[in-house]
């Protein structure tokens, strides 16, 4: 009613869009909410400019809706504009400005733009250290995000130092056997693994596995994850029998639970076992795992699936060489070449 009487660009009309947009968001109708959010932002920009408080609020609404839709390019563009505007109107150190810097960092992380995310997380963390207690939940969340980003950038010494601070805090406030403390300990072990400090990683991973088994039981997903992490480290130490025992135990649990081979957790277990069997030159066992992985990967049609199919095919080539079957090696090479060409064609069509 109001739009027909007042016109699309009347401020009263625009103000009436806000509760409707909120309703659409509440009932998960994000596409409809997105249309209204952009319309409101367009009007506010034209009428008042970027730095008007209602324009900033309208842009924030767009960011919320596009985040729900996982439209990360849209989120990035709007978050950059809003952060710049808030820096002009509120200052670099205002809480609203810092919160938007954190949201932009999260957007970069979702897009795997870790180089762009790191300085933003560092800025947010510095602010929170200055204004909040060291064990404040939001401070710890930012620390964890920065640890993740540093690991992705292979900055392992910096990640280790910050993660140890997190671990000390969780151990003090939550206790050594709390799920969050154990998860942070697992990250410490992962950093050690990345630094090829395998004996230290094994010591931590054994402690985690023992604790999770005692508290959660041998079949809990977190316990299975601990077994797989330890199996990977044993593989690096060439302790193939120990690695296989752990990974095979995980596989049995997943099979008993009826987990499909296409499930990401099952694929992870199959891939670990494949790598163990190949390294141990257990060619028959390796072939079984490669066949299962290849069939599961071939069901995927997205870019990630295409790359994984090629990787699985490369494993099949290794197994064929191990068996001394030169004919199969040539067949697999032709299959890989065909997959790579098909992948490139799909990429070209996508860009067109």
Protein backbone atom coordinates (compact mmCIF):
# COMPACT_ATOMS: atom_id res chain seq x y z
CA UNK A 1 0.00 0.00 0.00
CA UNK A 2 2.63 2.55 1.05
CA UNK A 3 4.74 1.98 -2.08
CA UNK A 4 1.85 2.78 -4.42
CA UNK A 5 0.87 5.90 -2.47
CA UNK A 6 4.27 7.33 -1.63
CA UNK A 7 6.47 6.10 -4.46
CA UNK A 8 9.43 3.75 -4.50
CA UNK A 9 11.97 6.37 -3.43
CA UNK A 10 10.06 7.98 -0.56
CA UNK A 11 11.87 7.70 2.80
CA UNK A 12 8.70 6.54 4.58
CA UNK A 13 8.41 3.72 2.07
CA UNK A 14 12.02 2.72 2.59
CA UNK A 15 11.56 2.72 6.34
CA UNK A 16 8.70 0.25 5.95
CA UNK A 17 11.03 -2.16 4.16
CA UNK A 18 13.10 -2.79 7.29
CA UNK A 19 10.54 -4.84 9.26
CA UNK A 20 9.59 -6.77 6.13
CA UNK A 21 13.24 -7.54 5.44
CA UNK A 22 13.67 -8.67 9.06
CA UNK A 23 10.67 -10.97 8.66
CA UNK A 24 12.08 -12.53 5.49
CA UNK A 25 15.41 -13.04 7.25
CA UNK A 26 13.71 -14.64 10.26
CA UNK A 27 11.93 -17.19 8.07
CA UNK A 28 15.11 -17.86 6.03
CA UNK A 29 13.82 -16.17 2.87
CA UNK A 30 17.21 -14.61 2.29
CA UNK A 31 16.86 -13.93 -1.43
CA UNK A 32 13.76 -11.80 -0.82
CA UNK A 33 15.48 -10.12 2.12
CA UNK A 34 18.48 -9.40 -0.11
CA UNK A 35 16.33 -7.57 -2.67
CA UNK A 36 14.83 -5.34 0.00
CA UNK A 37 18.21 -4.75 1.67
CA UNK A 38 19.82 -3.61 -1.56
CA UNK A 39 16.85 -1.40 -2.41
CA UNK A 40 17.04 0.30 0.97
CA UNK A 41 20.81 0.76 0.63
CA UNK A 42 20.47 2.22 -2.85
CA UNK A 43 17.99 4.84 -1.62
CA UNK A 44 20.09 5.79 1.42
CA UNK A 45 23.24 6.14 -0.67
CA UNK A 46 21.52 8.38 -3.19
CA UNK A 47 19.73 10.48 -0.60
CA UNK A 48 22.34 10.84 2.15
CA UNK A 49 25.73 9.47 1.05
CA UNK A 50 27.91 6.70 2.46
CA UNK A 51 28.59 8.16 5.90
CA UNK A 52 25.01 8.81 7.03
CA UNK A 53 24.07 6.56 9.97
CA UNK A 54 21.04 5.08 8.19
CA UNK A 55 23.17 4.33 5.12
CA UNK A 56 25.65 2.53 7.33
CA UNK A 57 22.83 0.55 8.91
CA UNK A 58 21.39 -0.32 5.50
CA UNK A 59 24.81 -1.52 4.32
CA UNK A 60 25.16 -3.59 7.49
CA UNK A 61 21.81 -5.24 6.67
CA UNK A 62 23.08 -6.12 3.20
CA UNK A 63 26.16 -7.69 4.76
CA UNK A 64 24.06 -9.79 7.12
CA UNK A 65 21.78 -11.07 4.37
CA UNK A 66 24.57 -11.81 1.89
CA UNK A 67 26.51 -13.58 4.64
CA UNK A 68 23.50 -15.84 5.21
CA UNK A 69 23.53 -16.54 1.47
CA UNK A 70 27.32 -17.10 1.54
CA UNK A 71 27.74 -14.53 -1.22
CA UNK A 72 31.27 -13.75 -0.12
CA UNK A 73 32.19 -11.39 -2.95
CA UNK A 74 29.15 -9.26 -2.13
CA UNK A 75 29.98 -9.39 1.58
CA UNK A 76 33.58 -8.37 0.90
CA UNK A 77 32.63 -5.40 -1.26
CA UNK A 78 30.06 -4.04 1.18
CA UNK A 79 32.19 -4.74 4.27
CA UNK A 80 35.13 -2.84 2.78
CA UNK A 81 32.88 0.17 2.08
CA UNK A 82 31.34 0.10 5.54
CA UNK A 83 34.69 -0.30 7.30
CA UNK A 84 36.07 2.74 5.44
CA UNK A 85 32.95 4.74 6.29
CA UNK A 86 33.05 3.77 9.98
CA UNK A 87 36.73 4.71 10.16
CA UNK A 88 35.79 8.19 8.92
CA UNK A 89 32.77 8.70 11.17
CA UNK A 90 33.63 6.70 14.30
CA UNK A 91 37.41 6.50 14.27
CA UNK A 92 39.85 3.63 13.89
CA UNK A 93 39.43 2.34 17.45
CA UNK A 94 35.65 2.47 17.88
CA UNK A 95 33.91 -0.80 18.76
CA UNK A 96 31.71 -0.68 15.64
CA UNK A 97 34.78 -0.17 13.45
CA UNK A 98 36.62 -3.07 15.08
CA UNK A 99 33.59 -5.35 14.76
CA UNK A 100 33.39 -4.61 11.04
CA UNK A 101 37.13 -5.23 10.65
CA UNK A 102 36.57 -8.63 12.26
CA UNK A 103 33.63 -9.37 9.95
CA UNK A 104 35.73 -8.47 6.91
CA UNK A 105 38.52 -10.74 8.19
CA UNK A 106 36.01 -13.59 8.53
CA UNK A 107 34.87 -12.94 4.97
CA UNK A 108 38.46 -13.14 3.74
CA UNK A 109 38.96 -16.37 5.67
CA UNK A 110 35.87 -17.93 4.06
CA UNK A 111 37.38 -17.10 0.66
CA UNK A 112 40.79 -18.44 1.74
CA UNK A 113 42.29 -14.97 1.34
CA UNK A 114 44.52 -15.46 4.35
CA UNK A 115 47.05 -12.78 3.42
CA UNK A 116 44.27 -10.18 3.55
CA UNK A 117 42.71 -11.66 6.71
CA UNK A 118 45.86 -11.69 8.86
CA UNK A 119 46.39 -7.93 9.40
CA UNK A 120 42.71 -7.43 10.15
CA UNK A 121 42.67 -10.18 12.77
CA UNK A 122 45.85 -8.74 14.28
CA UNK A 123 44.25 -5.31 14.46
CA UNK A 124 41.11 -6.69 16.11
CA UNK A 125 43.12 -8.74 18.59
CA UNK A 126 45.25 -5.76 19.58
CA UNK A 127 42.11 -3.75 20.29
CA UNK A 128 40.55 -6.53 22.36
CA UNK A 129 43.73 -7.08 24.36
CA UNK A 130 43.70 -3.38 25.22
CA UNK A 131 40.05 -3.10 26.20
CA UNK A 132 38.98 -6.55 27.44
CA UNK A 133 40.21 -9.19 29.91
CA UNK A 134 42.68 -11.71 28.52
CA UNK A 135 40.18 -14.56 28.93
CA UNK A 136 37.24 -12.76 27.33
CA UNK A 137 35.41 -15.12 24.98
CA UNK A 138 35.48 -12.75 21.99
CA UNK A 139 39.21 -12.19 22.47
CA UNK A 140 39.84 -15.94 22.51
CA UNK A 141 37.72 -16.40 19.39
CA UNK A 142 39.80 -13.84 17.50
CA UNK A 143 43.00 -15.47 18.74
CA UNK A 144 41.78 -18.84 17.43
CA UNK A 145 40.94 -17.31 14.06
CA UNK A 146 44.37 -15.70 13.86
CA UNK A 147 46.04 -19.01 14.76
CA UNK A 148 44.11 -20.68 11.94
CA UNK A 149 45.13 -17.94 9.50
CA UNK A 150 48.79 -18.08 10.51
CA UNK A 151 48.80 -21.87 10.03
CA UNK A 152 47.32 -21.48 6.55
CA UNK A 153 50.09 -19.01 5.76
CA UNK A 154 52.70 -21.49 7.06
CA UNK A 155 53.72 -19.06 9.80
CA UNK A 156 54.11 -21.88 12.27
CA UNK A 157 56.32 -20.25 14.96
CA UNK A 158 53.88 -17.32 15.28
CA UNK A 159 50.91 -19.70 15.26
CA UNK A 160 52.57 -21.88 17.93
CA UNK A 161 53.19 -18.93 20.26
CA UNK A 162 49.64 -17.63 20.00
CA UNK A 163 48.10 -21.10 20.25
CA UNK A 164 50.12 -21.81 23.40
CA UNK A 165 48.65 -18.67 24.96
CA UNK A 166 45.20 -19.95 24.07
CA UNK A 167 45.99 -23.37 25.48
CA UNK A 168 47.29 -21.94 28.76
CA UNK A 169 44.12 -19.87 29.13
CA UNK A 170 41.77 -22.78 28.41
CA UNK A 171 43.71 -25.10 30.73
CA UNK A 172 43.41 -22.54 33.52
CA UNK A 173 39.76 -21.61 32.98
CA UNK A 174 38.21 -24.82 31.65
CA UNK A 175 40.54 -27.56 32.80
CA UNK A 176 42.93 -29.85 30.90
CA UNK A 177 40.30 -32.39 29.82
CA UNK A 178 37.67 -29.96 28.52
CA UNK A 179 36.73 -30.44 24.86
CA UNK A 180 37.95 -26.95 23.90
CA UNK A 181 41.27 -27.48 25.70
CA UNK A 182 41.77 -30.82 23.94
CA UNK A 183 40.90 -29.29 20.56
CA UNK A 184 43.49 -26.55 21.16
CA UNK A 185 46.04 -29.21 22.17
CA UNK A 186 45.28 -31.00 18.90
CA UNK A 187 46.07 -27.77 17.03
CA UNK A 188 49.39 -27.59 18.90
CA UNK A 189 50.14 -31.13 17.74
CA UNK A 190 49.15 -30.19 14.18
CA UNK A 191 51.59 -27.27 14.23
CA UNK A 192 54.35 -29.57 15.46
CA UNK A 193 53.45 -32.00 12.67
CA UNK A 194 53.70 -29.19 10.11
CA UNK A 195 57.15 -28.35 11.50
CA UNK A 196 58.15 -32.03 11.12
CA UNK A 197 58.60 -32.34 14.89
CA UNK A 198 56.98 -35.76 14.86
CA UNK A 199 58.07 -37.20 18.26
CA UNK A 200 56.63 -34.14 20.06
CA UNK A 201 53.44 -34.36 17.99
CA UNK A 202 53.05 -38.08 18.78
CA UNK A 203 53.38 -37.45 22.52
CA UNK A 204 50.54 -34.92 22.45
CA UNK A 205 48.37 -37.00 20.11
CA UNK A 206 48.72 -40.06 22.33
CA UNK A 207 47.59 -38.02 25.35
CA UNK A 208 44.62 -36.63 23.41
CA UNK A 209 43.60 -40.09 22.20
CA UNK A 210 43.83 -41.56 25.71
CA UNK A 211 41.77 -38.75 27.22
CA UNK A 212 39.10 -38.75 24.52
CA UNK A 213 38.78 -42.53 24.65
CA UNK A 214 38.32 -42.44 28.42
CA UNK A 215 35.79 -39.58 28.39
CA UNK A 216 33.95 -40.03 25.08
CA UNK A 217 34.46 -43.68 24.22
CA UNK A 218 36.33 -45.35 21.35
CA UNK A 219 33.70 -44.66 18.67
CA UNK A 220 33.04 -40.96 19.28
CA UNK A 221 33.83 -38.76 16.24
CA UNK A 222 36.40 -36.80 18.24
CA UNK A 223 38.13 -40.01 19.29
CA UNK A 224 38.17 -41.22 15.68
CA UNK A 225 39.70 -37.91 14.63
CA UNK A 226 42.42 -38.34 17.28
CA UNK A 227 43.20 -41.83 15.94
CA UNK A 228 43.50 -40.53 12.39
CA UNK A 229 45.79 -37.67 13.45
CA UNK A 230 48.06 -40.11 15.28
CA UNK A 231 47.99 -42.49 12.30
CA UNK A 232 49.15 -39.69 9.99
CA UNK A 233 52.07 -38.89 12.28
CA UNK A 234 53.05 -42.55 12.58
CA UNK A 235 53.02 -42.68 8.79
CA UNK A 236 55.53 -39.82 8.68
CA UNK A 237 57.71 -41.77 11.13
CA UNK A 238 57.42 -44.83 8.86
CA UNK A 239 55.68 -46.77 11.64
CA UNK A 240 53.37 -48.37 9.13
CA UNK A 241 51.97 -51.16 11.29
CA UNK A 242 51.02 -48.77 14.10
CA UNK A 243 49.51 -46.34 11.60
CA UNK A 244 47.53 -49.08 9.84
CA UNK A 245 46.18 -50.48 13.13
CA UNK A 246 44.74 -47.10 14.09
CA UNK A 247 43.32 -46.23 10.66
CA UNK A 248 41.82 -49.71 10.21
CA UNK A 249 40.08 -49.36 13.57
CA UNK A 250 38.55 -46.08 12.40
CA UNK A 251 37.44 -47.67 9.12
CA UNK A 252 35.70 -50.52 10.95
CA UNK A 253 33.74 -48.09 13.12
CA UNK A 254 32.63 -46.05 10.10
CA UNK A 255 31.61 -49.20 8.21
CA UNK A 256 29.67 -50.54 11.20
CA UNK A 257 27.85 -47.21 11.40
CA UNK A 258 26.89 -47.54 7.73
CA UNK A 259 28.84 -44.47 6.59
CA UNK A 260 28.90 -44.18 2.79
CA UNK A 261 32.23 -43.96 0.96
CA UNK A 262 31.16 -40.58 -0.43
CA UNK A 263 31.01 -39.11 3.08
CA UNK A 264 33.93 -36.74 3.66
CA UNK A 265 34.91 -38.39 6.95
CA UNK A 266 34.92 -41.84 5.34
CA UNK A 267 36.90 -40.53 2.37
CA UNK A 268 39.45 -39.10 4.78
CA UNK A 269 39.88 -42.50 6.43
CA UNK A 270 40.13 -44.31 3.09
CA UNK A 271 42.73 -41.82 1.90
CA UNK A 272 44.85 -42.24 5.04
CA UNK A 273 44.77 -46.03 4.70
CA UNK A 274 45.62 -45.77 1.02
CA UNK A 275 48.70 -43.67 1.81
CA UNK A 276 49.77 -46.08 4.57
CA UNK A 277 49.40 -49.15 2.36
CA UNK A 278 51.27 -47.51 -0.53
CA UNK A 279 54.12 -46.45 1.76
CA UNK A 280 54.26 -49.99 3.22
CA UNK A 281 54.08 -51.46 -0.33
CA UNK A 282 50.99 -53.45 0.59
CA UNK A 283 49.79 -53.25 -2.99
CA UNK A 284 46.66 -55.45 -2.73
CA UNK A 285 45.36 -53.50 0.26
CA UNK A 286 46.32 -50.21 -1.40
CA UNK A 287 44.40 -51.15 -4.55
CA UNK A 288 41.23 -51.80 -2.53
CA UNK A 289 41.44 -48.35 -0.95
CA UNK A 290 42.29 -46.64 -4.24
CA UNK A 291 39.33 -48.31 -5.98
CA UNK A 292 36.96 -47.22 -3.21
CA UNK A 293 38.30 -43.67 -3.24
CA UNK A 294 38.21 -43.38 -7.03
CA UNK A 295 34.60 -44.58 -7.28
CA UNK A 296 33.52 -42.19 -4.52
CA UNK A 297 35.42 -39.26 -6.02
CA UNK A 298 33.99 -39.86 -9.49
CA UNK A 299 30.52 -39.21 -8.10
CA UNK A 300 31.55 -35.59 -7.56
CA UNK A 301 31.05 -33.18 -10.46
CA UNK A 302 32.30 -29.91 -8.96
CA UNK A 303 35.81 -28.53 -9.40
CA UNK A 304 36.94 -29.97 -6.08
CA UNK A 305 35.66 -33.36 -7.14
CA UNK A 306 37.50 -33.19 -10.49
CA UNK A 307 40.82 -32.47 -8.79
CA UNK A 308 40.25 -35.25 -6.27
CA UNK A 309 39.52 -37.76 -9.05
CA UNK A 310 42.85 -36.90 -10.68
CA UNK A 311 44.64 -37.27 -7.32
CA UNK A 312 43.03 -40.67 -6.75
CA UNK A 313 44.00 -41.72 -10.27
CA UNK A 314 47.60 -40.76 -9.54
CA UNK A 315 47.47 -43.11 -6.56
CA UNK A 316 46.17 -45.88 -8.81
CA UNK A 317 49.15 -45.27 -11.08
CA UNK A 318 51.51 -45.71 -8.11
CA UNK A 319 49.81 -49.00 -7.18
CA UNK A 320 50.01 -50.25 -10.77
CA UNK A 321 53.72 -49.46 -10.84
CA UNK A 322 54.13 -51.27 -7.53
CA UNK A 323 52.45 -54.32 -9.04
CA UNK A 324 54.73 -54.05 -12.08
CA UNK A 325 51.75 -53.81 -14.45
CA UNK A 326 53.03 -51.48 -17.20
CA UNK A 327 49.86 -51.96 -19.25
CA UNK A 328 47.70 -50.66 -16.41
CA UNK A 329 50.13 -47.80 -15.84
CA UNK A 330 49.60 -46.64 -19.44
CA UNK A 331 45.82 -47.01 -19.10
CA UNK A 332 45.80 -44.92 -15.94
CA UNK A 333 47.99 -42.27 -17.56
CA UNK A 334 45.50 -42.01 -20.42
CA UNK A 335 42.63 -41.77 -17.91
CA UNK A 336 44.39 -38.97 -16.01
CA UNK A 337 45.06 -37.08 -19.25
CA UNK A 338 41.39 -37.44 -20.21
CA UNK A 339 40.25 -36.21 -16.78
CA UNK A 340 42.57 -33.20 -16.95
CA UNK A 341 41.33 -32.21 -20.40
CA UNK A 342 37.70 -32.57 -19.29
CA UNK A 343 38.44 -30.47 -16.23
CA UNK A 344 39.98 -27.70 -18.33
CA UNK A 345 36.97 -27.72 -20.64
CA UNK A 346 34.61 -27.37 -17.69
CA UNK A 347 36.68 -24.48 -16.36
CA UNK A 348 36.51 -22.72 -19.72
CA UNK A 349 32.74 -23.12 -19.91
CA UNK A 350 32.40 -21.83 -16.36
CA UNK A 351 34.36 -18.65 -17.12
CA UNK A 352 32.39 -18.09 -20.33
